[in-house]
Structures are given as C-alpha cells and as structure tokens.
N, C-alpha and C. Protein backbone atom coordinates (compact mmCIF):
# COMPACT_ATOMS: atom_id res chain seq x y z
N MET A 1 0.80 -1.16 0.00
CA MET A 1 0.00 0.00 0.00
C MET A 1 0.86 1.25 0.00
N ALA A 2 1.89 1.15 0.71
CA ALA A 2 2.82 2.27 0.73
C ALA A 2 3.41 2.47 -0.65
N ALA A 3 3.58 1.38 -1.37
CA ALA A 3 4.12 1.49 -2.72
C ALA A 3 3.12 2.16 -3.64
N ASN A 4 1.83 1.83 -3.45
CA ASN A 4 0.79 2.48 -4.27
C ASN A 4 0.73 3.96 -3.96
N HIS A 5 0.88 4.28 -2.71
CA HIS A 5 0.84 5.67 -2.31
C HIS A 5 2.01 6.44 -2.92
N ILE A 6 3.17 5.87 -2.96
CA ILE A 6 4.36 6.50 -3.55
C ILE A 6 4.16 6.66 -5.06
N VAL A 7 3.57 5.66 -5.69
CA VAL A 7 3.31 5.73 -7.14
C VAL A 7 2.29 6.84 -7.40
N ASP A 8 1.27 6.96 -6.58
CA ASP A 8 0.28 8.02 -6.75
C ASP A 8 0.92 9.40 -6.58
N LEU A 9 1.79 9.52 -5.61
CA LEU A 9 2.48 10.79 -5.39
C LEU A 9 3.38 11.12 -6.58
N MET A 10 4.04 10.13 -7.11
CA MET A 10 4.93 10.36 -8.26
C MET A 10 4.11 10.74 -9.49
N ASN A 11 2.95 10.11 -9.68
CA ASN A 11 2.09 10.45 -10.81
C ASN A 11 1.56 11.88 -10.67
N LYS A 12 1.14 12.26 -9.47
CA LYS A 12 0.67 13.63 -9.26
C LYS A 12 1.79 14.63 -9.48
N PHE A 13 3.00 14.28 -9.02
CA PHE A 13 4.15 15.16 -9.20
C PHE A 13 4.48 15.31 -10.69
N ALA A 14 4.42 14.24 -11.44
CA ALA A 14 4.70 14.26 -12.87
C ALA A 14 3.65 15.08 -13.60
N ILE A 15 2.41 14.90 -13.22
CA ILE A 15 1.34 15.67 -13.86
C ILE A 15 1.52 17.15 -13.51
N GLY A 16 1.84 17.46 -12.30
CA GLY A 16 2.05 18.85 -11.87
C GLY A 16 3.23 19.47 -12.60
N CYS A 17 4.33 18.74 -12.70
CA CYS A 17 5.51 19.26 -13.42
C CYS A 17 5.21 19.42 -14.90
N GLY A 18 4.48 18.48 -15.46
CA GLY A 18 4.11 18.58 -16.87
C GLY A 18 3.21 19.78 -17.12
N GLY A 19 2.28 20.03 -16.22
CA GLY A 19 1.40 21.20 -16.36
C GLY A 19 2.17 22.50 -16.27
N VAL A 20 3.09 22.55 -15.30
CA VAL A 20 3.93 23.76 -15.16
C VAL A 20 4.78 23.94 -16.41
N LEU A 21 5.32 22.84 -16.92
CA LEU A 21 6.15 22.90 -18.13
C LEU A 21 5.32 23.40 -19.31
N VAL A 22 4.09 22.94 -19.47
CA VAL A 22 3.21 23.40 -20.56
C VAL A 22 2.92 24.89 -20.40
N ILE A 23 2.66 25.33 -19.18
CA ILE A 23 2.38 26.74 -18.95
C ILE A 23 3.61 27.59 -19.26
N VAL A 24 4.78 27.17 -18.83
CA VAL A 24 6.03 27.91 -19.10
C VAL A 24 6.28 27.96 -20.61
N LEU A 25 6.10 26.85 -21.30
CA LEU A 25 6.29 26.84 -22.76
C LEU A 25 5.28 27.76 -23.46
N PHE A 26 4.05 27.78 -22.97
CA PHE A 26 3.03 28.66 -23.56
C PHE A 26 3.45 30.13 -23.41
N PHE A 27 3.88 30.52 -22.21
CA PHE A 27 4.33 31.90 -22.01
C PHE A 27 5.56 32.22 -22.85
N ALA A 28 6.47 31.28 -22.98
CA ALA A 28 7.66 31.48 -23.83
C ALA A 28 7.24 31.68 -25.28
N PHE A 29 6.25 30.92 -25.73
CA PHE A 29 5.74 31.05 -27.10
C PHE A 29 5.11 32.43 -27.31
N VAL A 30 4.31 32.88 -26.33
CA VAL A 30 3.65 34.20 -26.44
C VAL A 30 4.70 35.31 -26.47
N VAL A 31 5.71 35.23 -25.61
CA VAL A 31 6.78 36.23 -25.59
C VAL A 31 7.56 36.20 -26.91
N GLY A 32 7.82 35.02 -27.44
CA GLY A 32 8.50 34.90 -28.74
C GLY A 32 7.69 35.55 -29.86
N LEU A 33 6.37 35.33 -29.86
CA LEU A 33 5.52 35.98 -30.87
C LEU A 33 5.57 37.50 -30.74
N PHE A 34 5.60 38.00 -29.51
CA PHE A 34 5.67 39.44 -29.28
C PHE A 34 6.96 40.01 -29.88
N PHE A 35 8.10 39.38 -29.58
CA PHE A 35 9.37 39.89 -30.11
C PHE A 35 9.45 39.75 -31.63
N TRP A 36 8.90 38.68 -32.16
CA TRP A 36 8.90 38.49 -33.61
C TRP A 36 8.08 39.58 -34.29
N GLY A 37 6.90 39.89 -33.75
CA GLY A 37 6.06 40.96 -34.29
C GLY A 37 6.72 42.32 -34.16
N SER A 38 7.41 42.54 -33.03
CA SER A 38 8.11 43.81 -32.84
C SER A 38 9.22 43.97 -33.86
N TYR A 39 9.96 42.91 -34.13
CA TYR A 39 11.04 42.97 -35.11
C TYR A 39 10.49 43.29 -36.50
N ASN A 40 9.40 42.62 -36.88
CA ASN A 40 8.80 42.88 -38.20
C ASN A 40 8.30 44.32 -38.29
N ARG A 41 7.73 44.82 -37.21
CA ARG A 41 7.24 46.20 -37.20
C ARG A 41 8.41 47.17 -37.34
N LEU A 42 9.51 46.90 -36.65
CA LEU A 42 10.69 47.77 -36.76
C LEU A 42 11.25 47.76 -38.18
N VAL A 43 11.29 46.61 -38.82
CA VAL A 43 11.77 46.52 -40.20
C VAL A 43 10.86 47.33 -41.12
N THR A 44 9.55 47.21 -40.93
CA THR A 44 8.59 47.97 -41.75
C THR A 44 8.77 49.47 -41.54
N LEU A 45 8.92 49.89 -40.30
CA LEU A 45 9.14 51.31 -40.02
C LEU A 45 10.44 51.81 -40.63
N ASP A 46 11.48 51.00 -40.59
CA ASP A 46 12.76 51.37 -41.20
C ASP A 46 12.61 51.56 -42.71
N GLN A 47 11.90 50.66 -43.35
CA GLN A 47 11.69 50.77 -44.79
C GLN A 47 10.86 52.01 -45.13
N THR A 48 9.87 52.31 -44.30
CA THR A 48 9.04 53.50 -44.52
C THR A 48 9.88 54.77 -44.39
N VAL A 49 10.74 54.82 -43.39
CA VAL A 49 11.61 55.99 -43.20
C VAL A 49 12.54 56.14 -44.40
N ASN A 50 13.12 55.04 -44.86
CA ASN A 50 14.03 55.11 -46.02
C ASN A 50 13.29 55.59 -47.27
N LYS A 51 12.05 55.15 -47.46
CA LYS A 51 11.27 55.58 -48.63
C LYS A 51 10.97 57.07 -48.54
N LYS A 52 10.53 57.53 -47.38
CA LYS A 52 10.22 58.95 -47.21
C LYS A 52 11.46 59.81 -47.42
N TRP A 53 12.59 59.37 -46.91
CA TRP A 53 13.83 60.13 -47.08
C TRP A 53 14.23 60.15 -48.56
N GLY A 54 14.02 59.05 -49.25
CA GLY A 54 14.29 59.03 -50.70
C GLY A 54 13.38 60.00 -51.44
N ASP A 55 12.12 60.12 -51.01
CA ASP A 55 11.20 61.08 -51.63
C ASP A 55 11.70 62.51 -51.42
N VAL A 56 12.17 62.81 -50.22
CA VAL A 56 12.68 64.15 -49.92
C VAL A 56 13.90 64.44 -50.80
N GLN A 57 14.80 63.49 -50.91
CA GLN A 57 15.98 63.69 -51.75
C GLN A 57 15.59 63.87 -53.21
N SER A 58 14.59 63.15 -53.65
CA SER A 58 14.12 63.27 -55.03
C SER A 58 13.56 64.66 -55.29
N VAL A 59 12.78 65.18 -54.36
CA VAL A 59 12.21 66.52 -54.53
C VAL A 59 13.32 67.56 -54.54
N TYR A 60 14.29 67.43 -53.66
CA TYR A 60 15.40 68.38 -53.65
C TYR A 60 16.20 68.31 -54.95
N GLN A 61 16.36 67.12 -55.49
CA GLN A 61 17.09 66.98 -56.75
C GLN A 61 16.32 67.65 -57.89
N ARG A 62 14.98 67.47 -57.91
CA ARG A 62 14.18 68.13 -58.95
C ARG A 62 14.28 69.64 -58.83
N ARG A 63 14.26 70.14 -57.60
CA ARG A 63 14.42 71.59 -57.41
C ARG A 63 15.78 72.05 -57.90
N ALA A 64 16.80 71.29 -57.57
CA ALA A 64 18.15 71.66 -58.02
C ALA A 64 18.24 71.63 -59.54
N ASP A 65 17.51 70.72 -60.18
CA ASP A 65 17.52 70.65 -61.64
C ASP A 65 16.78 71.83 -62.26
N LEU A 66 15.85 72.44 -61.54
CA LEU A 66 15.11 73.59 -62.06
C LEU A 66 15.96 74.86 -62.11
N ILE A 67 16.95 74.96 -61.24
CA ILE A 67 17.74 76.18 -61.16
C ILE A 67 18.45 76.49 -62.47
N PRO A 68 19.15 75.54 -63.11
CA PRO A 68 19.80 75.87 -64.39
C PRO A 68 18.78 76.28 -65.46
N ASN A 69 17.61 75.67 -65.48
CA ASN A 69 16.58 76.07 -66.45
C ASN A 69 16.17 77.52 -66.23
N LEU A 70 15.98 77.88 -64.99
CA LEU A 70 15.59 79.25 -64.67
C LEU A 70 16.70 80.23 -65.04
N VAL A 71 17.94 79.88 -64.72
CA VAL A 71 19.08 80.74 -65.06
C VAL A 71 19.18 80.91 -66.57
N ASN A 72 19.06 79.82 -67.33
CA ASN A 72 19.15 79.92 -68.79
C ASN A 72 18.02 80.76 -69.36
N THR A 73 16.83 80.63 -68.84
CA THR A 73 15.69 81.42 -69.33
C THR A 73 15.91 82.90 -69.07
N VAL A 74 16.36 83.23 -67.87
CA VAL A 74 16.59 84.63 -67.53
C VAL A 74 17.75 85.19 -68.36
N GLN A 75 18.81 84.40 -68.56
CA GLN A 75 19.92 84.86 -69.39
C GLN A 75 19.46 85.09 -70.83
N GLY A 76 18.62 84.21 -71.33
CA GLY A 76 18.11 84.40 -72.69
C GLY A 76 17.30 85.67 -72.80
N ALA A 77 16.47 85.94 -71.79
CA ALA A 77 15.68 87.18 -71.80
C ALA A 77 16.59 88.40 -71.73
N ALA A 78 17.61 88.33 -70.89
CA ALA A 78 18.54 89.46 -70.77
C ALA A 78 19.31 89.67 -72.07
N ASN A 79 19.76 88.59 -72.70
CA ASN A 79 20.48 88.72 -73.98
C ASN A 79 19.58 89.29 -75.06
N PHE A 80 18.33 88.87 -75.10
CA PHE A 80 17.38 89.41 -76.09
C PHE A 80 17.18 90.90 -75.87
N GLU A 81 16.96 91.30 -74.61
CA GLU A 81 16.78 92.71 -74.31
C GLU A 81 18.02 93.52 -74.70
N LYS A 82 19.19 92.97 -74.39
CA LYS A 82 20.44 93.67 -74.70
C LYS A 82 20.60 93.82 -76.21
N SER A 83 20.37 92.75 -76.96
CA SER A 83 20.55 92.82 -78.42
C SER A 83 19.53 93.76 -79.04
N THR A 84 18.30 93.80 -78.52
CA THR A 84 17.29 94.72 -79.04
C THR A 84 17.70 96.16 -78.80
N VAL A 85 18.19 96.46 -77.60
CA VAL A 85 18.62 97.82 -77.28
C VAL A 85 19.80 98.22 -78.16
N VAL A 86 20.75 97.31 -78.35
CA VAL A 86 21.93 97.61 -79.19
C VAL A 86 21.50 97.86 -80.63
N GLU A 87 20.61 97.03 -81.16
CA GLU A 87 20.15 97.21 -82.54
C GLU A 87 19.42 98.53 -82.72
N VAL A 88 18.54 98.85 -81.78
CA VAL A 88 17.79 100.11 -81.89
C VAL A 88 18.73 101.30 -81.77
N THR A 89 19.67 101.23 -80.83
CA THR A 89 20.62 102.34 -80.65
C THR A 89 21.47 102.52 -81.89
N ASN A 90 21.98 101.44 -82.46
CA ASN A 90 22.79 101.53 -83.67
C ASN A 90 21.98 102.06 -84.84
N ALA A 91 20.75 101.61 -84.96
CA ALA A 91 19.91 102.09 -86.07
C ALA A 91 19.63 103.58 -85.93
N ARG A 92 19.33 104.03 -84.71
CA ARG A 92 19.09 105.46 -84.52
C ARG A 92 20.35 106.27 -84.79
N ALA A 93 21.49 105.75 -84.35
CA ALA A 93 22.75 106.47 -84.58
C ALA A 93 23.08 106.52 -86.07
N SER A 94 22.83 105.46 -86.80
CA SER A 94 23.17 105.46 -88.23
C SER A 94 22.25 106.38 -89.02
N VAL A 95 21.01 106.53 -88.60
CA VAL A 95 20.11 107.46 -89.30
C VAL A 95 20.58 108.89 -89.09
N GLY A 96 21.06 109.20 -87.93
CA GLY A 96 21.52 110.56 -87.65
C GLY A 96 22.81 110.91 -88.37
N GLN A 97 23.56 109.94 -88.85
CA GLN A 97 24.84 110.20 -89.51
C GLN A 97 24.67 110.61 -90.96
N VAL A 98 23.60 110.26 -91.59
CA VAL A 98 23.39 110.59 -92.99
C VAL A 98 22.64 111.92 -93.07
N LYS A 99 23.25 112.87 -93.76
CA LYS A 99 22.63 114.18 -93.94
C LYS A 99 22.24 114.32 -95.41
N ILE A 100 20.95 114.46 -95.63
CA ILE A 100 20.46 114.61 -96.99
C ILE A 100 19.62 115.88 -97.04
N ASP A 101 19.87 116.62 -98.09
CA ASP A 101 19.04 117.82 -98.30
C ASP A 101 17.71 117.33 -98.86
N PRO A 102 16.59 117.62 -98.19
CA PRO A 102 15.32 117.11 -98.67
C PRO A 102 14.93 117.65 -100.05
N ASN A 103 15.53 118.77 -100.46
CA ASN A 103 15.20 119.34 -101.77
C ASN A 103 15.99 118.68 -102.90
N LYS A 104 17.05 117.96 -102.54
CA LYS A 104 17.88 117.34 -103.57
C LYS A 104 17.98 115.84 -103.33
N ALA A 105 17.75 115.08 -104.35
CA ALA A 105 17.93 113.63 -104.27
C ALA A 105 19.41 113.34 -104.47
N PRO A 106 19.92 112.30 -103.76
CA PRO A 106 21.35 112.00 -103.94
C PRO A 106 21.61 111.48 -105.35
N THR A 107 22.66 112.02 -105.96
CA THR A 107 23.03 111.59 -107.31
C THR A 107 24.04 110.47 -107.25
N ASP A 108 24.77 110.39 -106.17
CA ASP A 108 25.78 109.33 -106.02
C ASP A 108 25.07 108.04 -105.65
N PRO A 109 25.27 106.93 -106.43
CA PRO A 109 24.60 105.67 -106.09
C PRO A 109 25.01 105.13 -104.72
N GLY A 110 26.24 105.36 -104.30
CA GLY A 110 26.70 104.88 -102.99
C GLY A 110 25.95 105.56 -101.86
N ALA A 111 25.71 106.86 -101.98
CA ALA A 111 24.96 107.59 -100.96
C ALA A 111 23.52 107.12 -100.91
N ALA A 112 22.94 106.86 -102.07
CA ALA A 112 21.56 106.38 -102.12
C ALA A 112 21.44 105.01 -101.45
N ARG A 113 22.43 104.14 -101.71
CA ARG A 113 22.42 102.82 -101.07
C ARG A 113 22.59 102.94 -99.55
N ALA A 114 23.45 103.84 -99.09
CA ALA A 114 23.67 104.03 -97.66
C ALA A 114 22.38 104.50 -96.97
N VAL A 115 21.72 105.46 -97.60
CA VAL A 115 20.47 105.95 -97.04
C VAL A 115 19.43 104.84 -97.01
N SER A 116 19.36 104.09 -98.11
CA SER A 116 18.38 103.02 -98.20
C SER A 116 18.65 101.94 -97.16
N SER A 117 19.91 101.51 -96.99
CA SER A 117 20.22 100.44 -96.03
C SER A 117 19.97 100.90 -94.60
N ARG A 118 20.30 102.16 -94.29
CA ARG A 118 20.05 102.67 -92.94
C ARG A 118 18.55 102.77 -92.66
N ALA A 119 17.81 103.19 -93.63
CA ALA A 119 16.36 103.27 -93.46
C ALA A 119 15.77 101.88 -93.28
N ARG A 120 16.30 100.90 -94.04
CA ARG A 120 15.83 99.52 -93.90
C ARG A 120 16.12 98.98 -92.50
N SER A 121 17.33 99.27 -91.97
CA SER A 121 17.67 98.75 -90.64
C SER A 121 16.77 99.38 -89.57
N VAL A 122 16.41 100.66 -89.74
CA VAL A 122 15.50 101.29 -88.79
C VAL A 122 14.12 100.64 -88.90
N GLU A 123 13.66 100.39 -90.11
CA GLU A 123 12.36 99.73 -90.30
C GLU A 123 12.36 98.33 -89.68
N GLN A 124 13.46 97.59 -89.88
CA GLN A 124 13.54 96.23 -89.32
C GLN A 124 13.49 96.26 -87.80
N CYS A 125 14.23 97.22 -87.20
CA CYS A 125 14.22 97.32 -85.73
C CYS A 125 12.83 97.69 -85.23
N ALA A 126 12.19 98.63 -85.91
CA ALA A 126 10.84 99.02 -85.49
C ALA A 126 9.89 97.86 -85.66
N PHE A 127 10.05 97.11 -86.74
CA PHE A 127 9.20 95.94 -86.99
C PHE A 127 9.42 94.88 -85.91
N ALA A 128 10.69 94.68 -85.54
CA ALA A 128 11.01 93.68 -84.50
C ALA A 128 10.45 94.10 -83.15
N ILE A 129 10.54 95.39 -82.84
CA ILE A 129 10.04 95.87 -81.56
C ILE A 129 8.52 95.71 -81.50
N ALA A 130 7.86 95.96 -82.63
CA ALA A 130 6.41 95.84 -82.68
C ALA A 130 5.97 94.38 -82.62
N GLY A 131 6.90 93.44 -82.81
CA GLY A 131 6.57 92.03 -82.69
C GLY A 131 6.19 91.38 -84.00
N GLY A 132 6.43 92.00 -85.09
CA GLY A 132 6.05 91.42 -86.38
C GLY A 132 7.23 90.78 -87.08
N GLY A 133 6.95 90.14 -88.17
CA GLY A 133 8.02 89.61 -89.01
C GLY A 133 8.56 88.30 -88.54
N ARG A 134 9.52 88.34 -87.67
CA ARG A 134 10.16 87.10 -87.21
C ARG A 134 9.68 86.74 -85.81
N ALA A 135 9.85 85.50 -85.48
CA ALA A 135 9.47 85.04 -84.14
C ALA A 135 10.53 85.50 -83.15
N LEU A 136 10.15 86.31 -82.23
CA LEU A 136 11.10 86.86 -81.26
C LEU A 136 11.29 85.89 -80.10
N PRO A 137 12.53 85.78 -79.60
CA PRO A 137 12.75 84.90 -78.45
C PRO A 137 11.96 85.34 -77.22
N GLY A 138 11.66 86.63 -77.11
CA GLY A 138 10.93 87.12 -75.94
C GLY A 138 9.54 86.56 -75.83
N ILE A 139 8.96 86.13 -76.94
CA ILE A 139 7.62 85.56 -76.92
C ILE A 139 7.62 84.24 -76.17
N GLU A 140 8.72 83.51 -76.21
CA GLU A 140 8.81 82.21 -75.56
C GLU A 140 9.21 82.30 -74.09
N ILE A 141 9.69 83.43 -73.65
CA ILE A 141 10.25 83.54 -72.31
C ILE A 141 9.17 83.43 -71.24
N GLU A 142 8.07 84.15 -71.39
CA GLU A 142 7.03 84.12 -70.35
C GLU A 142 6.46 82.73 -70.13
N PRO A 143 6.12 81.95 -71.19
CA PRO A 143 5.63 80.60 -70.92
C PRO A 143 6.67 79.73 -70.21
N LYS A 144 7.95 79.90 -70.54
CA LYS A 144 8.99 79.11 -69.86
C LYS A 144 9.05 79.47 -68.39
N LEU A 145 9.04 80.78 -68.10
CA LEU A 145 9.09 81.21 -66.70
C LEU A 145 7.84 80.74 -65.95
N SER A 146 6.69 80.81 -66.59
CA SER A 146 5.45 80.36 -65.94
C SER A 146 5.50 78.87 -65.66
N ARG A 147 6.02 78.08 -66.61
CA ARG A 147 6.11 76.63 -66.43
C ARG A 147 7.06 76.30 -65.28
N ILE A 148 8.22 76.98 -65.24
CA ILE A 148 9.19 76.72 -64.18
C ILE A 148 8.62 77.14 -62.83
N ALA A 149 7.96 78.29 -62.78
CA ALA A 149 7.38 78.74 -61.51
C ALA A 149 6.27 77.79 -61.05
N GLY A 150 5.46 77.31 -61.99
CA GLY A 150 4.40 76.35 -61.63
C GLY A 150 4.97 75.06 -61.08
N THR A 151 6.06 74.58 -61.69
CA THR A 151 6.70 73.36 -61.20
C THR A 151 7.25 73.58 -59.80
N ALA A 152 7.86 74.73 -59.57
CA ALA A 152 8.41 75.02 -58.23
C ALA A 152 7.28 75.09 -57.20
N ARG A 153 6.13 75.69 -57.57
CA ARG A 153 5.01 75.76 -56.62
C ARG A 153 4.49 74.36 -56.29
N ARG A 154 4.39 73.48 -57.31
CA ARG A 154 3.92 72.12 -57.06
C ARG A 154 4.86 71.40 -56.10
N HIS A 155 6.19 71.56 -56.30
CA HIS A 155 7.14 70.89 -55.42
C HIS A 155 7.03 71.43 -54.00
N ARG A 156 6.83 72.73 -53.86
CA ARG A 156 6.71 73.31 -52.53
C ARG A 156 5.47 72.77 -51.84
N LYS A 157 4.34 72.66 -52.56
CA LYS A 157 3.11 72.13 -51.97
C LYS A 157 3.28 70.68 -51.57
N GLN A 158 3.98 69.89 -52.38
CA GLN A 158 4.20 68.49 -52.04
C GLN A 158 4.98 68.37 -50.75
N ASN A 159 6.00 69.20 -50.57
CA ASN A 159 6.87 69.06 -49.41
C ASN A 159 6.25 69.59 -48.13
N PHE A 160 5.57 70.73 -48.20
CA PHE A 160 5.17 71.40 -46.99
C PHE A 160 3.73 71.15 -46.59
N SER A 161 2.88 70.80 -47.53
CA SER A 161 1.50 70.55 -47.15
C SER A 161 1.17 69.07 -47.11
N GLY A 162 2.06 68.26 -47.62
CA GLY A 162 1.82 66.81 -47.61
C GLY A 162 0.94 66.37 -48.75
N ALA A 163 0.41 67.29 -49.55
CA ALA A 163 -0.45 66.94 -50.69
C ALA A 163 0.41 66.54 -51.87
N LYS A 164 -0.10 65.60 -52.67
CA LYS A 164 0.66 65.19 -53.85
C LYS A 164 -0.17 65.38 -55.07
C-alpha cells in the first residue's frame, strides 16, 4: 500500500511538473511571438523611413535641376533685351549720320544705297520691336518662366503641405 501511495504521489508530481512545463512553454511562445512581431514592425518602419527620405531627396534633386533652367531662361531674356537695345541704338545712330538735303535727291549711287540700307535697318528694328516679321525669343520667355514657376510651386506644396 505504501508502494501504491508513492506511485500516486509520483504520478501527481509528474502531472504537476508537466502542467507547469506546458504553462512555461506557452508563455515562452507568447513572448517569442511578441518579439517576432516587434522585429517585423521595426523593419517595416525602417523601410518607410528610407522611402520617405528618398522622396525628400528626389524633390530636392528636382528643385536643383530647375535652377539651371531658370538661369538659362533669364539669361536668354537678358540677352534678347540687350541685343534689341543695341540694334535700336545703332539704327538710330546710323540714321543721324546721314545728312540729306530734302530738296535734292542723292546723285551718287553709294549715298543712295547708304540711305536706303540705314532706313531699312530702322524699319527692321521698329518691326522687330512691334513684334512682327520674325518670331522673337521674348515671346517664348514668359511661358517658360510660368512653367518653371508652376513646377516650383507644385514641389513646394508636395513638401510642406503633404499633398501630392
């Protein structure tokens, strides 16, 4: 009987130890799932941060690429203005250099050609200033500046307001 009692005690002890072992393994499993989920979440957050930082760098690169376009457009406008002023000034100066008596027509063919060419250059400059004849580079400048400014505004809105 004492042997049966010892066997019963050993069976109860084994069942108790087995139950404790199952409970400990269950908690270990739950803690492992927690750490596994935390690791996956950290990896996802890291990838999100890298993507957002790449977007910021991309926007800054696009802005940096706009600067040479803007500089070239402004330089083109300045060169056009400068060449127009030089042409008009030269044409006005050349007209003032020829003195013709209005009562007498020039008999020298060279003088007639000089008067004619100077008058033509003044007409061409006046025609160019009025916007006729040839396509002026100044006509293209405003749309380029508007397009560049619009692009810059879109990039600013993307970065600072979060809208895309």
